[in-house]
């Protein structure tokens, strides 16, 4: 899993109680194991936080 991909993901939010960023995706245990074991070439839950990219896709 690419750490840089997480840095630009909408699912990564700051948790004030933990004082750290955490992923908000609701995964079950099997999905978590697949994700962290390298089963996926990239995160299937990734959502870009780049608003321009979203608008660009809507224009076409």
N, C-alpha and C. Protein backbone atom coordinates (compact mmCIF):
# COMPACT_ATOMS: atom_id res chain seq x y z
N UNK A 1 0.84 -1.17 0.00
CA UNK A 1 0.00 0.00 0.00
C UNK A 1 0.89 1.24 0.00
N UNK A 2 0.57 2.16 -0.82
CA UNK A 2 1.38 3.35 -0.98
C UNK A 2 0.98 4.39 0.07
N UNK A 3 1.92 4.78 0.93
CA UNK A 3 1.64 5.77 1.97
C UNK A 3 1.25 7.12 1.40
N UNK A 4 1.84 7.49 0.26
CA UNK A 4 1.51 8.76 -0.36
C UNK A 4 0.05 8.78 -0.81
N UNK A 5 -0.47 7.64 -1.21
CA UNK A 5 -1.86 7.57 -1.63
C UNK A 5 -2.77 7.90 -0.44
N UNK A 6 -2.44 7.45 0.73
CA UNK A 6 -3.24 7.74 1.92
C UNK A 6 -3.21 9.23 2.25
N UNK A 7 -2.09 9.88 1.99
CA UNK A 7 -1.94 11.29 2.31
C UNK A 7 -2.92 12.18 1.55
N UNK A 8 -3.39 11.73 0.39
CA UNK A 8 -4.31 12.53 -0.44
C UNK A 8 -5.70 11.91 -0.49
N UNK A 9 -6.02 11.07 0.46
CA UNK A 9 -7.32 10.36 0.45
C UNK A 9 -8.34 11.08 1.32
N UNK A 10 -9.56 11.16 0.84
CA UNK A 10 -10.66 11.78 1.59
C UNK A 10 -11.02 10.98 2.85
N UNK A 11 -10.68 9.69 2.88
CA UNK A 11 -11.02 8.85 4.01
C UNK A 11 -10.06 9.01 5.18
N UNK A 12 -8.96 9.74 4.99
CA UNK A 12 -8.00 9.97 6.05
C UNK A 12 -8.39 11.23 6.81
N UNK A 13 -8.75 11.07 8.08
CA UNK A 13 -9.21 12.20 8.89
C UNK A 13 -8.42 12.27 10.19
N UNK A 14 -8.34 13.47 10.73
CA UNK A 14 -7.60 13.66 11.98
C UNK A 14 -8.51 13.34 13.16
N UNK A 15 -8.04 12.45 14.01
CA UNK A 15 -8.77 12.06 15.22
C UNK A 15 -8.16 12.83 16.39
N UNK A 16 -8.90 13.76 16.95
CA UNK A 16 -8.38 14.59 18.03
C UNK A 16 -8.10 13.79 19.29
N UNK A 17 -8.89 12.75 19.55
CA UNK A 17 -8.66 11.93 20.74
C UNK A 17 -7.34 11.17 20.64
N UNK A 18 -7.06 10.62 19.46
CA UNK A 18 -5.83 9.86 19.24
C UNK A 18 -4.65 10.76 18.87
N UNK A 19 -4.96 12.00 18.47
CA UNK A 19 -3.96 12.96 17.99
C UNK A 19 -3.16 12.38 16.82
N UNK A 20 -3.90 11.76 15.90
CA UNK A 20 -3.28 11.16 14.72
C UNK A 20 -4.32 11.04 13.61
N UNK A 21 -3.84 10.87 12.40
CA UNK A 21 -4.74 10.65 11.28
C UNK A 21 -5.12 9.17 11.21
N UNK A 22 -6.40 8.91 10.94
CA UNK A 22 -6.88 7.54 10.81
C UNK A 22 -7.76 7.41 9.58
N UNK A 23 -7.86 6.19 9.08
CA UNK A 23 -8.70 5.91 7.92
C UNK A 23 -10.12 5.63 8.40
N UNK A 24 -11.10 6.31 7.79
CA UNK A 24 -12.49 6.17 8.21
C UNK A 24 -13.25 5.06 7.49
N UNK A 25 -12.62 4.33 6.61
CA UNK A 25 -13.31 3.29 5.86
C UNK A 25 -13.75 2.18 6.81
N UNK A 26 -14.99 1.76 6.66
CA UNK A 26 -15.54 0.69 7.49
C UNK A 26 -15.21 -0.65 6.82
N UNK A 27 -14.11 -1.26 7.26
CA UNK A 27 -13.65 -2.53 6.69
C UNK A 27 -13.87 -3.64 7.69
N UNK A 28 -14.14 -4.84 7.16
CA UNK A 28 -14.17 -5.99 8.05
C UNK A 28 -12.74 -6.54 8.17
N UNK A 29 -12.57 -7.53 9.02
CA UNK A 29 -11.23 -8.06 9.29
C UNK A 29 -10.57 -8.64 8.04
N UNK A 30 -11.35 -9.33 7.20
CA UNK A 30 -10.80 -9.93 5.99
C UNK A 30 -10.28 -8.87 5.02
N UNK A 31 -11.04 -7.78 4.85
CA UNK A 31 -10.59 -6.70 3.97
C UNK A 31 -9.30 -6.06 4.50
N UNK A 32 -9.23 -5.89 5.80
CA UNK A 32 -8.05 -5.29 6.42
C UNK A 32 -6.81 -6.16 6.15
N UNK A 33 -6.94 -7.48 6.31
CA UNK A 33 -5.82 -8.38 6.06
C UNK A 33 -5.40 -8.32 4.60
N UNK A 34 -6.37 -8.33 3.68
CA UNK A 34 -6.05 -8.25 2.25
C UNK A 34 -5.33 -6.95 1.91
N UNK A 35 -5.79 -5.86 2.47
CA UNK A 35 -5.21 -4.55 2.19
C UNK A 35 -3.77 -4.47 2.69
N UNK A 36 -3.53 -4.88 3.92
CA UNK A 36 -2.20 -4.75 4.51
C UNK A 36 -1.24 -5.86 4.09
N UNK A 37 -1.74 -6.94 3.53
CA UNK A 37 -0.84 -8.01 3.08
C UNK A 37 -0.38 -7.80 1.64
N UNK A 38 -0.86 -6.73 1.00
CA UNK A 38 -0.41 -6.45 -0.36
C UNK A 38 -1.24 -7.15 -1.43
N UNK A 39 -2.42 -7.63 -1.07
CA UNK A 39 -3.29 -8.31 -2.03
C UNK A 39 -3.74 -7.38 -3.15
N UNK A 40 -3.95 -6.13 -2.83
CA UNK A 40 -4.39 -5.13 -3.80
C UNK A 40 -3.18 -4.33 -4.31
N UNK A 41 -3.13 -4.03 -5.61
CA UNK A 41 -2.04 -3.20 -6.13
C UNK A 41 -2.11 -1.76 -5.61
N UNK A 42 -3.31 -1.28 -5.32
CA UNK A 42 -3.53 0.02 -4.70
C UNK A 42 -4.80 -0.07 -3.87
N UNK A 43 -5.01 0.88 -3.02
CA UNK A 43 -6.15 0.83 -2.10
C UNK A 43 -7.47 0.93 -2.86
N UNK A 44 -8.36 -0.04 -2.71
CA UNK A 44 -9.66 0.01 -3.39
C UNK A 44 -10.62 1.03 -2.78
N UNK A 45 -10.29 1.58 -1.63
CA UNK A 45 -11.15 2.53 -0.95
C UNK A 45 -10.71 3.97 -1.15
N UNK A 46 -9.67 4.18 -1.94
CA UNK A 46 -9.11 5.51 -2.14
C UNK A 46 -10.13 6.45 -2.79
N UNK A 47 -10.26 7.64 -2.22
CA UNK A 47 -11.08 8.71 -2.78
C UNK A 47 -10.24 9.98 -2.75
N UNK A 48 -10.04 10.56 -3.91
CA UNK A 48 -9.20 11.74 -4.01
C UNK A 48 -9.84 12.91 -3.27
N UNK A 49 -9.01 13.71 -2.60
CA UNK A 49 -9.51 14.92 -1.95
C UNK A 49 -9.29 16.14 -2.82
N UNK A 50 -8.90 15.92 -4.07
CA UNK A 50 -8.66 16.99 -5.03
C UNK A 50 -9.99 17.36 -5.70
N UNK A 51 -10.60 18.48 -5.30
CA UNK A 51 -11.90 18.87 -5.84
C UNK A 51 -11.82 19.15 -7.34
N UNK A 52 -10.69 19.68 -7.81
CA UNK A 52 -10.53 19.98 -9.22
C UNK A 52 -10.61 18.70 -10.05
N UNK A 53 -10.02 17.61 -9.55
CA UNK A 53 -10.05 16.34 -10.26
C UNK A 53 -11.48 15.83 -10.40
N UNK A 54 -12.28 15.99 -9.34
CA UNK A 54 -13.68 15.56 -9.37
C UNK A 54 -14.47 16.36 -10.41
N UNK A 55 -14.30 17.66 -10.42
CA UNK A 55 -15.01 18.53 -11.36
C UNK A 55 -14.58 18.23 -12.79
N UNK A 56 -13.29 17.97 -12.99
CA UNK A 56 -12.77 17.67 -14.32
C UNK A 56 -13.45 16.42 -14.89
N UNK A 57 -13.68 15.41 -14.07
CA UNK A 57 -14.35 14.20 -14.53
C UNK A 57 -15.82 14.45 -14.85
N UNK A 58 -16.47 15.36 -14.13
CA UNK A 58 -17.88 15.67 -14.37
C UNK A 58 -18.08 16.43 -15.67
N UNK A 59 -17.07 17.16 -16.11
CA UNK A 59 -17.18 17.99 -17.32
C UNK A 59 -17.23 17.13 -18.58
N UNK A 60 -16.72 15.93 -18.52
CA UNK A 60 -16.67 15.09 -19.71
C UNK A 60 -17.77 14.12 -19.78
